Amino acid sequence: MEDYPLLYSDIVFNAKPDAVPYNYRISYKVSQLCLIMFICGRGSVSSLVKLHMISFALFSSSNMSRLIEFAEGKGNAPIVRFDPAVNRALTYAIAYGFAVQQQNAKFKLTDHGQKLANKIILVDDIMVNEVASLNDLGKKLTDSKVDELFILWRDMYAES
């Protein structure tokens, strides 16, 4: 098998007709994750499951309402969609220096990530709905509530 050199003329980028929806753009998702950790994380720290839960809740006000009710102990377990875009954005957040993964596998905002989240909050014309929803949820979604939901899923869907 011969090695063929890759020439720059062999690489072609074609414009695609469809734009990427805003909620799947890396810059939006990275900013969203920074806001989630900053506003809803204890000490700006969140587990991966918690990030997924809150990110999915931000898709609609009804999703967020169900998550808040569950966090307050008033509602049933909400439906959560695990979105690969969250994992990808988290990888970028780490690469950009906005977050780090701790020894306990949780993610923590760096000073750089906290500054980004704070700037988004201070500029009151971007991600306004997200900031308002996250402030409504606040620190109500504790690790024990996340664990409770995880145990419910395991018991409901795991095979014996």
Protein backbone atom coordinates (compact mmCIF):
# COMPACT_ATOMS: atom_id res chain seq x y z
CA MET A 1 0.00 0.00 0.00
CA GLU A 2 1.47 3.31 -1.08
CA ASP A 3 1.21 6.54 0.84
CA TYR A 4 -0.29 9.35 -1.16
CA PRO A 5 0.42 12.91 -0.06
CA LEU A 6 -2.65 14.96 0.65
CA LEU A 7 -2.61 18.12 -1.41
CA TYR A 8 -4.43 21.27 -0.38
CA SER A 9 -6.14 21.22 -3.76
CA ASP A 10 -7.72 17.88 -2.73
CA ILE A 11 -9.63 19.50 0.13
CA VAL A 12 -12.89 21.14 -0.85
CA PHE A 13 -15.42 22.87 1.36
CA ASN A 14 -18.87 23.31 -0.10
CA ALA A 15 -21.48 25.63 1.33
CA LYS A 16 -24.53 23.81 2.60
CA PRO A 17 -28.03 25.14 1.89
CA ASP A 18 -29.36 24.70 5.43
CA ALA A 19 -28.23 26.77 8.36
CA VAL A 20 -27.52 25.09 11.69
CA PRO A 21 -30.32 25.91 14.18
CA TYR A 22 -29.13 28.28 16.91
CA ASN A 23 -29.57 25.73 19.71
CA TYR A 24 -27.13 23.34 18.00
CA ARG A 25 -24.39 25.89 17.34
CA ILE A 26 -21.32 25.24 19.44
CA SER A 27 -21.02 28.86 20.59
CA TYR A 28 -24.62 28.80 21.85
CA LYS A 29 -24.30 25.42 23.57
CA VAL A 30 -20.98 26.32 25.22
CA SER A 31 -22.52 29.58 26.49
CA GLN A 32 -25.61 27.70 27.67
CA LEU A 33 -23.51 25.18 29.63
CA CYS A 34 -21.50 27.98 31.24
CA LEU A 35 -24.75 29.65 32.31
CA ILE A 36 -26.14 26.37 33.69
CA MET A 37 -23.04 25.74 35.80
CA PHE A 38 -22.83 29.38 36.90
CA ILE A 39 -26.49 29.82 37.88
CA CYS A 40 -27.60 26.29 38.85
CA GLY A 41 -24.41 24.57 39.94
CA ARG A 42 -23.27 24.55 43.53
CA GLY A 43 -19.94 26.36 43.40
CA SER A 44 -20.28 26.44 39.60
CA VAL A 45 -20.05 22.62 39.56
CA SER A 46 -22.48 20.25 37.80
CA SER A 47 -22.63 16.59 36.88
CA LEU A 48 -23.03 15.54 33.27
CA VAL A 49 -26.55 14.22 33.96
CA LYS A 50 -27.55 17.52 35.54
CA LEU A 51 -26.22 19.45 32.54
CA HIS A 52 -28.27 17.25 30.22
CA MET A 53 -31.41 17.59 32.36
CA ILE A 54 -31.26 21.37 32.48
CA SER A 55 -30.21 21.76 28.84
CA PHE A 56 -33.25 19.70 27.76
CA ALA A 57 -35.50 21.71 30.08
CA LEU A 58 -34.39 24.89 28.29
CA PHE A 59 -35.98 23.67 25.03
CA SER A 60 -39.44 24.75 26.23
CA SER A 61 -41.14 26.48 29.14
CA SER A 62 -43.22 23.36 29.83
CA ASN A 63 -40.06 21.24 30.12
CA MET A 64 -38.57 23.78 32.51
CA SER A 65 -41.78 23.96 34.57
CA ARG A 66 -41.79 20.16 34.97
CA LEU A 67 -38.13 20.17 36.03
CA ILE A 68 -38.72 22.95 38.57
CA GLU A 69 -41.76 21.11 40.00
CA PHE A 70 -39.71 17.92 40.29
CA ALA A 71 -36.83 19.81 41.92
CA GLU A 72 -39.27 21.30 44.44
CA GLY A 73 -40.73 17.86 45.19
CA LYS A 74 -44.12 18.77 43.73
CA GLY A 75 -44.12 16.90 40.43
CA ASN A 76 -43.36 13.59 38.78
CA ALA A 77 -40.07 12.74 37.16
CA PRO A 78 -39.61 14.83 34.02
CA ILE A 79 -38.64 13.39 30.66
CA VAL A 80 -35.02 14.09 29.79
CA ARG A 81 -33.38 13.76 26.41
CA PHE A 82 -29.66 13.13 26.39
CA ASP A 83 -28.38 15.27 23.55
CA PRO A 84 -24.98 14.56 21.94
CA ALA A 85 -24.66 18.31 21.29
CA VAL A 86 -24.27 18.80 25.07
CA ASN A 87 -21.33 16.39 25.19
CA ARG A 88 -19.74 18.01 22.15
CA ALA A 89 -20.18 21.51 23.59
CA LEU A 90 -18.73 20.38 26.90
CA THR A 91 -15.65 19.13 25.06
CA TYR A 92 -15.31 22.56 23.44
CA ALA A 93 -15.91 24.33 26.77
CA ILE A 94 -12.99 22.40 28.23
CA ALA A 95 -10.82 23.07 25.18
CA TYR A 96 -11.62 26.81 25.33
CA GLY A 97 -10.71 26.86 29.03
CA PHE A 98 -14.24 27.63 30.25
CA ALA A 99 -14.60 24.42 32.27
CA VAL A 100 -12.57 21.56 33.71
CA GLN A 101 -13.50 18.03 34.66
CA GLN A 102 -12.81 17.27 38.30
CA GLN A 103 -11.60 14.01 39.85
CA ASN A 104 -15.21 13.21 40.85
CA ALA A 105 -16.20 13.39 37.13
CA LYS A 106 -18.21 16.59 37.67
CA PHE A 107 -17.57 19.71 35.64
CA LYS A 108 -16.54 23.04 37.12
CA LEU A 109 -16.43 26.45 35.52
CA THR A 110 -13.03 28.08 35.47
CA ASP A 111 -12.61 31.79 36.18
CA HIS A 112 -12.69 32.27 32.40
CA GLY A 113 -16.04 30.43 32.19
CA GLN A 114 -17.46 32.42 35.09
CA LYS A 115 -16.50 35.66 33.37
CA LEU A 116 -18.24 34.52 30.18
CA ALA A 117 -21.42 33.59 32.07
CA ASN A 118 -21.36 36.85 34.00
CA LYS A 119 -20.93 38.89 30.80
CA ILE A 120 -23.89 37.12 29.21
CA ILE A 121 -26.02 37.94 32.26
CA LEU A 122 -24.89 41.58 32.35
CA VAL A 123 -25.63 42.13 28.66
CA ASP A 124 -29.38 42.01 29.05
CA ASP A 125 -30.28 41.40 25.41
CA ILE A 126 -28.74 37.97 24.76
CA MET A 127 -29.97 34.62 26.06
CA VAL A 128 -32.60 36.48 28.09
CA ASN A 129 -35.08 33.58 28.21
CA GLU A 130 -32.36 31.12 29.18
CA VAL A 131 -31.09 33.33 32.00
CA ALA A 132 -34.64 33.90 33.30
CA SER A 133 -35.45 30.17 33.24
CA LEU A 134 -32.17 29.26 34.91
CA ASN A 135 -32.77 31.87 37.60
CA ASP A 136 -36.23 30.36 38.20
CA LEU A 137 -34.63 26.92 38.66
CA GLY A 138 -31.69 28.32 40.60
CA LYS A 139 -30.08 25.80 42.94
CA LYS A 140 -33.31 23.80 43.45
CA LEU A 141 -32.12 20.81 41.41
CA THR A 142 -29.83 19.19 43.95
CA ASP A 143 -27.53 16.25 43.35
CA SER A 144 -29.88 14.10 45.44
CA LYS A 145 -32.81 14.98 43.14
CA VAL A 146 -30.65 14.14 40.09
CA ASP A 147 -29.71 10.82 41.74
CA GLU A 148 -33.38 10.18 42.54
CA LEU A 149 -34.31 10.62 38.90
CA PHE A 150 -31.40 8.45 37.78
CA ILE A 151 -32.55 5.64 40.11
CA LEU A 152 -36.12 5.95 38.77
CA TRP A 153 -34.83 5.57 35.20
CA ARG A 154 -32.68 2.60 36.15
CA ASP A 155 -35.54 0.83 37.93
CA MET A 156 -38.00 1.61 35.14
CA TYR A 157 -35.86 0.78 32.12
CA ALA A 158 -33.06 -1.55 33.20
CA GLU A 159 -33.50 -5.24 32.60
CA SER A 160 -33.23 -7.59 35.56
